[in-house]
Amino acid sequence: MTALSLLGTTLGFAFAAGLNLYATVLVVGLAIRLDWLPLPVHLADLQVLADPVVLGAAAVMYAVEFLADKIPAVDHAWDLVHSVIRPAGAAWIAWRAVGGAGLSEPAEVALLLAAGGVALSAHLGKAGTRLAVGATGGHFLGVGVFLSLLEDLVAFLLAPLSILVPLLVLAFVLVSLVGVGYVIWRMRRRAAAHA
């Protein structure tokens, strides 16, 4: 596996976990357990995600998040708590993913930091969008529920694709991060103009 492929896999997992950590663990774990996803040798440490205990915990937490994410105000509190949990979970998944890659210790640490940063960026983009939707009354129009379902779908698709087509996922993550940065820049400029 090339360094770019490993980067695509770990950052793809991180981005998906930033949107929904439990969906990411659940879909990758199920795909491994049911042999839907061929797990490369260097990613063998991810096999732990297929353990029934891990799958059970991920399924229960996904169900809780699925419900919490659809209730106005509860979704914001849930996102606040997960501002720490999602990046930490993404870093843990990245740590498992790089364990068999034979990277130097400094490269591993750099990759773990990048994974945590990508997860936090994806999470903050998600939470910020949800706050904006809530502030404009979008929850009562169903926009919040639609966004929640879309985030889950992206996490469910992106996580396994991170193993299957890591370079394509890396491109998606980079474009998404640039997009989030642009939106933040535009919002700050607009706020400064109105101040």
N, C-alpha and C. Protein backbone atom coordinates (compact mmCIF):
# COMPACT_ATOMS: atom_id res chain seq x y z
N MET A 1 0.85 -1.18 0.00
CA MET A 1 0.00 0.00 0.00
C MET A 1 0.89 1.24 0.00
N THR A 2 0.51 2.19 -0.82
CA THR A 2 1.27 3.43 -0.87
C THR A 2 0.89 4.33 0.30
N ALA A 3 1.77 5.28 0.55
CA ALA A 3 1.50 6.23 1.63
C ALA A 3 0.24 7.03 1.34
N LEU A 4 0.01 7.37 0.06
CA LEU A 4 -1.20 8.12 -0.30
C LEU A 4 -2.47 7.30 -0.07
N SER A 5 -2.40 6.01 -0.36
CA SER A 5 -3.56 5.15 -0.12
C SER A 5 -3.86 5.06 1.37
N LEU A 6 -2.83 4.91 2.18
CA LEU A 6 -3.02 4.86 3.63
C LEU A 6 -3.59 6.19 4.13
N LEU A 7 -3.10 7.29 3.58
CA LEU A 7 -3.61 8.60 3.94
C LEU A 7 -5.09 8.71 3.57
N GLY A 8 -5.45 8.22 2.37
CA GLY A 8 -6.85 8.25 1.95
C GLY A 8 -7.74 7.41 2.85
N THR A 9 -7.26 6.25 3.24
CA THR A 9 -8.04 5.37 4.13
C THR A 9 -8.24 6.03 5.49
N THR A 10 -7.16 6.49 6.10
CA THR A 10 -7.28 7.04 7.45
C THR A 10 -8.05 8.36 7.47
N LEU A 11 -7.81 9.23 6.50
CA LEU A 11 -8.55 10.50 6.49
C LEU A 11 -10.00 10.30 6.06
N GLY A 12 -10.26 9.29 5.23
CA GLY A 12 -11.64 8.96 4.89
C GLY A 12 -12.41 8.48 6.11
N PHE A 13 -11.78 7.59 6.89
CA PHE A 13 -12.40 7.15 8.14
C PHE A 13 -12.63 8.34 9.07
N ALA A 14 -11.63 9.22 9.14
CA ALA A 14 -11.73 10.37 10.04
C ALA A 14 -12.87 11.30 9.64
N PHE A 15 -13.00 11.57 8.35
CA PHE A 15 -14.07 12.45 7.89
C PHE A 15 -15.43 11.82 8.19
N ALA A 16 -15.55 10.53 7.89
CA ALA A 16 -16.82 9.82 8.16
C ALA A 16 -17.11 9.83 9.66
N ALA A 17 -16.10 9.60 10.49
CA ALA A 17 -16.30 9.60 11.94
C ALA A 17 -16.66 10.99 12.45
N GLY A 18 -16.15 12.02 11.80
CA GLY A 18 -16.51 13.38 12.18
C GLY A 18 -17.99 13.67 11.95
N LEU A 19 -18.57 12.99 10.97
CA LEU A 19 -20.01 13.12 10.72
C LEU A 19 -20.81 12.22 11.64
N ASN A 20 -20.37 10.97 11.76
CA ASN A 20 -21.07 10.01 12.61
C ASN A 20 -20.12 8.87 12.95
N LEU A 21 -19.52 8.94 14.12
CA LEU A 21 -18.55 7.96 14.57
C LEU A 21 -19.15 6.56 14.63
N TYR A 22 -20.36 6.46 15.19
CA TYR A 22 -20.95 5.14 15.41
C TYR A 22 -21.35 4.48 14.09
N ALA A 23 -21.83 5.25 13.13
CA ALA A 23 -22.15 4.70 11.81
C ALA A 23 -20.89 4.19 11.13
N THR A 24 -19.79 4.93 11.29
CA THR A 24 -18.51 4.54 10.69
C THR A 24 -18.04 3.20 11.25
N VAL A 25 -18.03 3.09 12.57
CA VAL A 25 -17.59 1.83 13.20
C VAL A 25 -18.54 0.70 12.82
N LEU A 26 -19.83 0.96 12.84
CA LEU A 26 -20.83 -0.07 12.55
C LEU A 26 -20.71 -0.60 11.12
N VAL A 27 -20.62 0.29 10.14
CA VAL A 27 -20.59 -0.18 8.75
C VAL A 27 -19.28 -0.89 8.42
N VAL A 28 -18.16 -0.38 8.91
CA VAL A 28 -16.89 -1.05 8.63
C VAL A 28 -16.85 -2.39 9.36
N GLY A 29 -17.28 -2.41 10.62
CA GLY A 29 -17.29 -3.66 11.37
C GLY A 29 -18.18 -4.72 10.75
N LEU A 30 -19.39 -4.32 10.34
CA LEU A 30 -20.29 -5.28 9.68
C LEU A 30 -19.73 -5.76 8.35
N ALA A 31 -19.16 -4.84 7.59
CA ALA A 31 -18.60 -5.21 6.28
C ALA A 31 -17.46 -6.22 6.45
N ILE A 32 -16.66 -6.04 7.48
CA ILE A 32 -15.57 -6.99 7.75
C ILE A 32 -16.14 -8.31 8.24
N ARG A 33 -17.07 -8.26 9.18
CA ARG A 33 -17.64 -9.48 9.77
C ARG A 33 -18.36 -10.34 8.73
N LEU A 34 -19.08 -9.69 7.81
CA LEU A 34 -19.85 -10.42 6.81
C LEU A 34 -19.06 -10.68 5.52
N ASP A 35 -17.77 -10.39 5.55
CA ASP A 35 -16.87 -10.58 4.40
C ASP A 35 -17.33 -9.81 3.16
N TRP A 36 -17.95 -8.65 3.36
CA TRP A 36 -18.33 -7.80 2.23
C TRP A 36 -17.16 -6.93 1.80
N LEU A 37 -16.24 -6.76 2.71
CA LEU A 37 -15.12 -5.84 2.48
C LEU A 37 -13.82 -6.60 2.67
N PRO A 38 -13.06 -6.73 1.59
CA PRO A 38 -11.76 -7.41 1.74
C PRO A 38 -10.81 -6.50 2.53
N LEU A 39 -10.37 -6.98 3.67
CA LEU A 39 -9.49 -6.18 4.53
C LEU A 39 -8.04 -6.48 4.16
N PRO A 40 -7.34 -5.47 3.62
CA PRO A 40 -5.92 -5.70 3.28
C PRO A 40 -5.11 -6.09 4.52
N VAL A 41 -4.04 -6.81 4.29
CA VAL A 41 -3.20 -7.32 5.38
C VAL A 41 -2.72 -6.19 6.29
N HIS A 42 -2.31 -5.08 5.71
CA HIS A 42 -1.77 -3.98 6.52
C HIS A 42 -2.85 -3.30 7.38
N LEU A 43 -4.13 -3.59 7.11
CA LEU A 43 -5.22 -3.03 7.91
C LEU A 43 -5.83 -4.08 8.84
N ALA A 44 -5.11 -5.17 9.07
CA ALA A 44 -5.63 -6.28 9.87
C ALA A 44 -6.04 -5.87 11.27
N ASP A 45 -5.43 -4.82 11.82
CA ASP A 45 -5.78 -4.39 13.17
C ASP A 45 -7.20 -3.83 13.25
N LEU A 46 -7.81 -3.52 12.10
CA LEU A 46 -9.20 -3.05 12.09
C LEU A 46 -10.19 -4.20 12.31
N GLN A 47 -9.70 -5.42 12.32
CA GLN A 47 -10.55 -6.60 12.54
C GLN A 47 -11.33 -6.49 13.85
N VAL A 48 -10.79 -5.75 14.81
CA VAL A 48 -11.47 -5.59 16.10
C VAL A 48 -12.84 -4.93 15.93
N LEU A 49 -13.04 -4.16 14.87
CA LEU A 49 -14.34 -3.53 14.64
C LEU A 49 -15.43 -4.55 14.33
N ALA A 50 -15.04 -5.75 13.92
CA ALA A 50 -16.00 -6.81 13.60
C ALA A 50 -16.38 -7.65 14.81
N ASP A 51 -15.78 -7.39 15.95
CA ASP A 51 -16.10 -8.13 17.16
C ASP A 51 -17.55 -7.84 17.56
N PRO A 52 -18.31 -8.86 17.97
CA PRO A 52 -19.71 -8.65 18.34
C PRO A 52 -19.92 -7.60 19.44
N VAL A 53 -19.00 -7.51 20.38
CA VAL A 53 -19.13 -6.50 21.44
C VAL A 53 -19.03 -5.10 20.86
N VAL A 54 -18.06 -4.89 19.97
CA VAL A 54 -17.88 -3.58 19.33
C VAL A 54 -19.09 -3.27 18.45
N LEU A 55 -19.53 -4.26 17.67
CA LEU A 55 -20.70 -4.06 16.81
C LEU A 55 -21.95 -3.73 17.62
N GLY A 56 -22.13 -4.43 18.73
CA GLY A 56 -23.29 -4.17 19.58
C GLY A 56 -23.27 -2.76 20.16
N ALA A 57 -22.12 -2.36 20.67
CA ALA A 57 -21.99 -1.01 21.23
C ALA A 57 -22.21 0.05 20.15
N ALA A 58 -21.63 -0.17 18.97
CA ALA A 58 -21.79 0.79 17.88
C ALA A 58 -23.25 0.87 17.43
N ALA A 59 -23.93 -0.27 17.38
CA ALA A 59 -25.34 -0.28 16.96
C ALA A 59 -26.22 0.45 17.96
N VAL A 60 -26.00 0.21 19.25
CA VAL A 60 -26.79 0.90 20.28
C VAL A 60 -26.53 2.40 20.22
N MET A 61 -25.27 2.79 20.15
CA MET A 61 -24.94 4.22 20.12
C MET A 61 -25.42 4.88 18.82
N TYR A 62 -25.38 4.14 17.72
CA TYR A 62 -25.91 4.69 16.47
C TYR A 62 -27.41 4.94 16.60
N ALA A 63 -28.13 4.00 17.21
CA ALA A 63 -29.58 4.17 17.41
C ALA A 63 -29.88 5.39 18.28
N VAL A 64 -29.10 5.55 19.35
CA VAL A 64 -29.29 6.72 20.22
C VAL A 64 -29.00 8.00 19.43
N GLU A 65 -27.90 8.01 18.69
CA GLU A 65 -27.55 9.21 17.90
C GLU A 65 -28.60 9.47 16.82
N PHE A 66 -29.09 8.42 16.20
CA PHE A 66 -30.10 8.59 15.15
C PHE A 66 -31.32 9.34 15.70
N LEU A 67 -31.75 8.96 16.89
CA LEU A 67 -32.90 9.62 17.51
C LEU A 67 -32.54 11.02 18.02
N ALA A 68 -31.42 11.15 18.71
CA ALA A 68 -31.02 12.44 19.28
C ALA A 68 -30.82 13.48 18.19
N ASP A 69 -30.35 13.05 17.04
CA ASP A 69 -30.03 13.95 15.95
C ASP A 69 -31.27 14.52 15.26
N LYS A 70 -32.43 13.98 15.56
CA LYS A 70 -33.66 14.43 14.91
C LYS A 70 -34.48 15.38 15.79
N ILE A 71 -34.05 15.58 17.03
CA ILE A 71 -34.81 16.40 17.98
C ILE A 71 -34.11 17.74 18.14
N PRO A 72 -34.82 18.84 17.81
CA PRO A 72 -34.22 20.17 17.97
C PRO A 72 -33.71 20.38 19.40
N ALA A 73 -32.62 21.06 19.53
CA ALA A 73 -31.93 21.36 20.78
C ALA A 73 -31.16 20.14 21.30
N VAL A 74 -31.76 18.96 21.29
CA VAL A 74 -31.04 17.75 21.71
C VAL A 74 -29.88 17.50 20.75
N ASP A 75 -30.11 17.73 19.45
CA ASP A 75 -29.04 17.51 18.48
C ASP A 75 -27.85 18.43 18.73
N HIS A 76 -28.12 19.67 19.16
CA HIS A 76 -27.02 20.60 19.44
C HIS A 76 -26.23 20.18 20.67
N ALA A 77 -26.93 19.72 21.70
CA ALA A 77 -26.25 19.23 22.91
C ALA A 77 -25.42 17.98 22.57
N TRP A 78 -25.99 17.11 21.75
CA TRP A 78 -25.29 15.89 21.33
C TRP A 78 -24.01 16.25 20.57
N ASP A 79 -24.13 17.22 19.66
CA ASP A 79 -22.95 17.66 18.89
C ASP A 79 -21.90 18.29 19.80
N LEU A 80 -22.32 19.03 20.80
CA LEU A 80 -21.37 19.65 21.73
C LEU A 80 -20.55 18.57 22.44
N VAL A 81 -21.22 17.56 22.96
CA VAL A 81 -20.53 16.47 23.64
C VAL A 81 -19.60 15.74 22.68
N HIS A 82 -20.04 15.57 21.44
CA HIS A 82 -19.25 14.82 20.47
C HIS A 82 -18.14 15.63 19.80
N SER A 83 -17.99 16.88 20.22
CA SER A 83 -16.86 17.68 19.74
C SER A 83 -15.54 17.08 20.22
N VAL A 84 -15.59 16.31 21.27
CA VAL A 84 -14.41 15.61 21.79
C VAL A 84 -14.43 14.15 21.35
N ILE A 85 -15.60 13.53 21.42
CA ILE A 85 -15.70 12.09 21.17
C ILE A 85 -15.38 11.73 19.72
N ARG A 86 -15.91 12.47 18.76
CA ARG A 86 -15.68 12.12 17.35
C ARG A 86 -14.21 12.22 16.95
N PRO A 87 -13.51 13.33 17.25
CA PRO A 87 -12.08 13.37 16.90
C PRO A 87 -11.26 12.30 17.63
N ALA A 88 -11.58 12.04 18.90
CA ALA A 88 -10.85 11.00 19.64
C ALA A 88 -11.11 9.63 19.02
N GLY A 89 -12.37 9.36 18.66
CA GLY A 89 -12.70 8.09 18.01
C GLY A 89 -12.02 7.96 16.67
N ALA A 90 -11.97 9.04 15.91
CA ALA A 90 -11.29 9.02 14.60
C ALA A 90 -9.80 8.74 14.76
N ALA A 91 -9.19 9.36 15.77
CA ALA A 91 -7.76 9.12 16.01
C ALA A 91 -7.52 7.67 16.41
N TRP A 92 -8.44 7.09 17.20
CA TRP A 92 -8.30 5.69 17.59
C TRP A 92 -8.41 4.77 16.37
N ILE A 93 -9.39 5.04 15.50
CA ILE A 93 -9.53 4.23 14.28
C ILE A 93 -8.29 4.36 13.42
N ALA A 94 -7.77 5.58 13.29
CA ALA A 94 -6.55 5.80 12.50
C ALA A 94 -5.38 5.04 13.12
N TRP A 95 -5.29 5.03 14.44
CA TRP A 95 -4.22 4.31 15.12
C TRP A 95 -4.29 2.82 14.80
N ARG A 96 -5.51 2.27 14.79
CA ARG A 96 -5.67 0.86 14.42
C ARG A 96 -5.30 0.63 12.96
N ALA A 97 -5.67 1.60 12.10
CA ALA A 97 -5.41 1.45 10.66
C ALA A 97 -3.92 1.50 10.34
N VAL A 98 -3.16 2.32 11.03
CA VAL A 98 -1.73 2.47 10.70
C VAL A 98 -0.86 1.47 11.44
N GLY A 99 -1.44 0.70 12.36
CA GLY A 99 -0.66 -0.23 13.17
C GLY A 99 0.18 -1.22 12.38
N GLY A 100 -0.35 -1.73 11.27
CA GLY A 100 0.38 -2.72 10.50
C GLY A 100 1.03 -2.16 9.25
N ALA A 101 1.07 -0.84 9.13
CA ALA A 101 1.58 -0.22 7.90
C ALA A 101 3.09 -0.05 7.90
N GLY A 102 3.73 -0.23 9.04
CA GLY A 102 5.18 -0.12 9.10
C GLY A 102 5.70 1.30 8.97
N LEU A 103 4.91 2.27 9.38
CA LEU A 103 5.34 3.66 9.34
C LEU A 103 6.28 3.96 10.51
N SER A 104 7.10 4.98 10.34
CA SER A 104 7.92 5.42 11.46
C SER A 104 7.02 6.04 12.52
N GLU A 105 7.49 6.08 13.73
CA GLU A 105 6.68 6.64 14.82
C GLU A 105 6.28 8.09 14.56
N PRO A 106 7.19 8.96 14.09
CA PRO A 106 6.78 10.33 13.80
C PRO A 106 5.71 10.41 12.71
N ALA A 107 5.79 9.55 11.70
CA ALA A 107 4.78 9.54 10.64
C ALA A 107 3.43 9.08 11.19
N GLU A 108 3.45 8.09 12.08
CA GLU A 108 2.21 7.63 12.70
C GLU A 108 1.55 8.74 13.51
N VAL A 109 2.36 9.44 14.31
CA VAL A 109 1.83 10.52 15.14
C VAL A 109 1.25 11.62 14.25
N ALA A 110 1.96 11.97 13.18
CA ALA A 110 1.47 13.00 12.26
C ALA A 110 0.15 12.58 11.64
N LEU A 111 0.02 11.31 11.27
CA LEU A 111 -1.22 10.81 10.67
C LEU A 111 -2.37 10.81 11.68
N LEU A 112 -2.07 10.46 12.91
CA LEU A 112 -3.11 10.48 13.96
C LEU A 112 -3.59 11.90 14.22
N LEU A 113 -2.65 12.84 14.26
CA LEU A 113 -3.03 14.24 14.44
C LEU A 113 -3.88 14.73 13.27
N ALA A 114 -3.48 14.35 12.06
CA ALA A 114 -4.26 14.75 10.87
C ALA A 114 -5.66 14.15 10.92
N ALA A 115 -5.76 12.89 11.34
CA ALA A 115 -7.08 12.24 11.42
C ALA A 115 -7.97 12.95 12.44
N GLY A 116 -7.42 13.28 13.59
CA GLY A 116 -8.20 14.02 14.59
C GLY A 116 -8.63 15.38 14.07
N GLY A 117 -7.73 16.06 13.36
CA GLY A 117 -8.07 17.37 12.79
C GLY A 117 -9.13 17.30 11.71
N VAL A 118 -9.04 16.30 10.86
CA VAL A 118 -10.05 16.13 9.81
C VAL A 118 -11.40 15.81 10.43
N ALA A 119 -11.41 14.92 11.43
CA ALA A 119 -12.68 14.59 12.09
C ALA A 119 -13.28 15.81 12.76
N LEU A 120 -12.44 16.60 13.42
CA LEU A 120 -12.94 17.81 14.08
C LEU A 120 -13.48 18.80 13.05
N SER A 121 -12.79 18.94 11.94
CA SER A 121 -13.25 19.85 10.88
C SER A 121 -14.60 19.39 10.31
N ALA A 122 -14.72 18.11 10.04
CA ALA A 122 -15.99 17.58 9.53
C ALA A 122 -17.09 17.77 10.56
N HIS A 123 -16.76 17.50 11.82
CA HIS A 123 -17.74 17.66 12.90
C HIS A 123 -18.18 19.12 13.05
N LEU A 124 -17.21 20.04 13.05
CA LEU A 124 -17.56 21.45 13.20
C LEU A 124 -18.36 21.96 12.01
N GLY A 125 -18.04 21.47 10.81
CA GLY A 125 -18.84 21.84 9.63
C GLY A 125 -20.27 21.35 9.77
N LYS A 126 -20.41 20.12 10.24
CA LYS A 126 -21.74 19.54 10.46
C LYS A 126 -22.49 20.31 11.54
N ALA A 127 -21.85 20.52 12.68
CA ALA A 127 -22.51 21.19 13.80
C ALA A 127 -22.85 22.64 13.46
N GLY A 128 -21.95 23.31 12.76
CA GLY A 128 -22.21 24.70 12.36
C GLY A 128 -23.38 24.81 11.40
N THR A 129 -23.45 23.88 10.46
CA THR A 129 -24.57 23.86 9.52
C THR A 129 -25.87 23.62 10.27
N ARG A 130 -25.84 22.70 11.22
CA ARG A 130 -27.04 22.39 11.99
C ARG A 130 -27.49 23.57 12.83
N LEU A 131 -26.52 24.30 13.41
CA LEU A 131 -26.86 25.50 14.18
C LEU A 131 -27.51 26.55 13.29
N ALA A 132 -26.95 26.73 12.09
CA ALA A 132 -27.52 27.71 11.16
C ALA A 132 -28.93 27.31 10.74
N VAL A 133 -29.14 26.03 10.51
CA VAL A 133 -30.48 25.55 10.13
C VAL A 133 -31.45 25.75 11.28
N GLY A 134 -31.00 25.46 12.51
CA GLY A 134 -31.86 25.65 13.68
C GLY A 134 -32.21 27.11 13.90
N ALA A 135 -31.25 27.99 13.64
CA ALA A 135 -31.48 29.43 13.85
C ALA A 135 -32.47 30.00 12.85
N THR A 136 -32.59 29.37 11.70
CA THR A 136 -33.51 29.87 10.67
C THR A 136 -34.83 29.12 10.68
N GLY A 137 -35.05 28.27 11.67
CA GLY A 137 -36.31 27.53 11.76
C GLY A 137 -36.36 26.31 10.86
N GLY A 138 -35.22 25.91 10.34
CA GLY A 138 -35.18 24.78 9.42
C GLY A 138 -35.59 23.46 10.01
N HIS A 139 -35.45 23.31 11.34
CA HIS A 139 -35.86 22.05 11.96
C HIS A 139 -37.35 21.81 11.78
N PHE A 140 -38.10 22.87 11.87
CA PHE A 140 -39.56 22.71 11.76
C PHE A 140 -40.00 22.49 10.32
N LEU A 141 -39.09 22.76 9.38
CA LEU A 141 -39.39 22.50 7.97
C LEU A 141 -38.83 21.15 7.53
N GLY A 142 -38.18 20.44 8.43
CA GLY A 142 -37.63 19.13 8.11
C GLY A 142 -36.22 19.17 7.55
N VAL A 143 -35.62 20.36 7.46
CA VAL A 143 -34.27 20.47 6.90
C VAL A 143 -33.27 19.77 7.81
N GLY A 144 -33.42 19.93 9.12
CA GLY A 144 -32.51 19.29 10.06
C GLY A 144 -32.54 17.78 9.96
N VAL A 145 -33.72 17.22 9.81
CA VAL A 145 -33.85 15.76 9.67
C VAL A 145 -33.21 15.31 8.36
N PHE A 146 -33.45 16.06 7.29
CA PHE A 146 -32.85 15.73 5.99
C PHE A 146 -31.32 15.75 6.10
N LEU A 147 -30.77 16.79 6.72
CA LEU A 147 -29.31 16.88 6.87
C LEU A 147 -28.77 15.73 7.70
N SER A 148 -29.49 15.36 8.75
CA SER A 148 -29.06 14.25 9.59
C SER A 148 -29.00 12.95 8.78
N LEU A 149 -30.02 12.70 7.99
CA LEU A 149 -30.04 11.49 7.16
C LEU A 149 -28.92 11.53 6.11
N LEU A 150 -28.68 12.71 5.54
CA LEU A 150 -27.61 12.86 4.56
C LEU A 150 -26.24 12.60 5.19
N GLU A 151 -26.02 13.13 6.40
CA GLU A 151 -24.75 12.89 7.10
C GLU A 151 -24.55 11.40 7.37
N ASP A 152 -25.60 10.72 7.79
CA ASP A 152 -25.51 9.28 8.04
C ASP A 152 -25.17 8.55 6.74
N LEU A 153 -25.83 8.91 5.66
CA LEU A 153 -25.58 8.27 4.37
C LEU A 153 -24.13 8.46 3.93
N VAL A 154 -23.62 9.68 4.07
CA VAL A 154 -22.23 9.94 3.69
C VAL A 154 -21.29 9.09 4.54
N ALA A 155 -21.53 9.02 5.84
CA ALA A 155 -20.68 8.20 6.71
C ALA A 155 -20.75 6.73 6.33
N PHE A 156 -21.96 6.23 6.07
CA PHE A 156 -22.12 4.82 5.70
C PHE A 156 -21.46 4.48 4.36
N LEU A 157 -21.42 5.43 3.44
CA LEU A 157 -20.78 5.19 2.14
C LEU A 157 -19.28 5.44 2.18
N LEU A 158 -18.88 6.51 2.83
CA LEU A 158 -17.48 6.93 2.82
C LEU A 158 -16.57 5.96 3.56
N ALA A 159 -17.03 5.42 4.67
CA ALA A 159 -16.18 4.53 5.48
C ALA A 159 -15.69 3.30 4.71
N PRO A 160 -16.57 2.51 4.09
CA PRO A 160 -16.05 1.36 3.34
C PRO A 160 -15.29 1.77 2.08
N LEU A 161 -15.71 2.86 1.45
CA LEU A 161 -14.99 3.34 0.27
C LEU A 161 -13.57 3.76 0.62
N SER A 162 -13.34 4.11 1.87
CA SER A 162 -12.00 4.49 2.32
C SER A 162 -11.02 3.33 2.20
N ILE A 163 -11.52 2.12 2.26
CA ILE A 163 -10.68 0.93 2.08
C ILE A 163 -10.63 0.55 0.60
N LEU A 164 -11.77 0.64 -0.07
CA LEU A 164 -11.86 0.17 -1.46
C LEU A 164 -11.20 1.11 -2.47
N VAL A 165 -11.42 2.42 -2.32
CA VAL A 165 -10.87 3.41 -3.27
C VAL A 165 -10.29 4.60 -2.50
N PRO A 166 -9.20 4.36 -1.78
CA PRO A 166 -8.68 5.39 -0.88
C PRO A 166 -8.23 6.68 -1.57
N LEU A 167 -7.72 6.59 -2.78
CA LEU A 167 -7.28 7.81 -3.46
C LEU A 167 -8.45 8.69 -3.86
N LEU A 168 -9.54 8.09 -4.29
CA LEU A 168 -10.75 8.85 -4.60
C LEU A 168 -11.32 9.49 -3.34
N VAL A 169 -11.30 8.75 -2.24
CA VAL A 169 -11.79 9.27 -0.96
C VAL A 169 -10.89 10.41 -0.48
N LEU A 170 -9.58 10.28 -0.67
CA LEU A 170 -8.67 11.36 -0.28
C LEU A 170 -9.00 12.64 -1.04
N ALA A 171 -9.27 12.52 -2.33
CA ALA A 171 -9.65 13.69 -3.13
C ALA A 171 -10.95 14.29 -2.61
N PHE A 172 -11.93 13.45 -2.29
CA PHE A 172 -13.20 13.93 -1.74
C PHE A 172 -12.99 14.68 -0.43
N VAL A 173 -12.19 14.11 0.46
CA VAL A 173 -11.94 14.73 1.76
C VAL A 173 -11.26 16.08 1.58
N LEU A 174 -10.25 16.14 0.73
CA LEU A 174 -9.54 17.41 0.52
C LEU A 174 -10.46 18.48 -0.07
N VAL A 175 -11.27 18.11 -1.05
CA VAL A 175 -12.22 19.06 -1.64
C VAL A 175 -13.24 19.51 -0.60
N SER A 176 -13.71 18.58 0.22
CA SER A 176 -14.69 18.91 1.27
C SER A 176 -14.09 19.86 2.29
N LEU A 177 -12.85 19.62 2.68
CA LEU A 177 -12.20 20.50 3.66
C LEU A 177 -11.99 21.90 3.10
N VAL A 178 -11.62 21.98 1.83
CA VAL A 178 -11.49 23.29 1.19
C VAL A 178 -12.85 23.98 1.15
N GLY A 179 -13.90 23.22 0.86
CA GLY A 179 -15.26 23.78 0.83
C GLY A 179 -15.68 24.31 2.20
N VAL A 180 -15.39 23.54 3.25
CA VAL A 180 -15.72 23.99 4.61
C VAL A 180 -14.95 25.26 4.93
N GLY A 181 -13.67 25.29 4.58
CA GLY A 181 -12.86 26.48 4.82
C GLY A 181 -13.40 27.70 4.08
N TYR A 182 -13.82 27.50 2.86
CA TYR A 182 -14.38 28.61 2.07
C TYR A 182 -15.68 29.13 2.70
N VAL A 183 -16.53 28.24 3.11
CA VAL A 183 -17.80 28.66 3.74
C VAL A 183 -17.52 29.45 5.02
N ILE A 184 -16.59 28.98 5.83
CA ILE A 184 -16.24 29.70 7.06
C ILE A 184 -15.69 31.08 6.73
N TRP A 185 -14.82 31.15 5.74
CA TRP A 185 -14.24 32.44 5.32
C TRP A 185 -15.34 33.39 4.87
N ARG A 186 -16.28 32.89 4.07
CA ARG A 186 -17.38 33.74 3.58
C ARG A 186 -18.26 34.22 4.73
N MET A 187 -18.54 33.34 5.67
CA MET A 187 -19.38 33.71 6.81
C MET A 187 -18.70 34.78 7.67
N ARG A 188 -17.40 34.63 7.89
CA ARG A 188 -16.65 35.61 8.68
C ARG A 188 -16.62 36.96 7.95
N ARG A 189 -16.45 36.91 6.65
CA ARG A 189 -16.44 38.16 5.87
C ARG A 189 -17.79 38.84 5.95
N ARG A 190 -18.85 38.06 5.82
CA ARG A 190 -20.20 38.62 5.88
C ARG A 190 -20.49 39.19 7.27
N ALA A 191 -20.07 38.49 8.31
CA ALA A 191 -20.28 38.98 9.67
C ALA A 191 -19.49 40.27 9.91
N ALA A 192 -18.29 40.35 9.39
CA ALA A 192 -17.45 41.55 9.56
C ALA A 192 -18.07 42.74 8.81
N ALA A 193 -18.68 42.47 7.68
CA ALA A 193 -19.31 43.54 6.89
C ALA A 193 -20.54 44.10 7.59
N HIS A 194 -21.23 43.25 8.37
CA HIS A 194 -22.44 43.69 9.07
C HIS A 194 -22.14 44.28 10.45
N ALA A 195 -20.90 44.14 10.90
CA ALA A 195 -20.55 44.63 12.24
C ALA A 195 -20.28 46.11 12.28
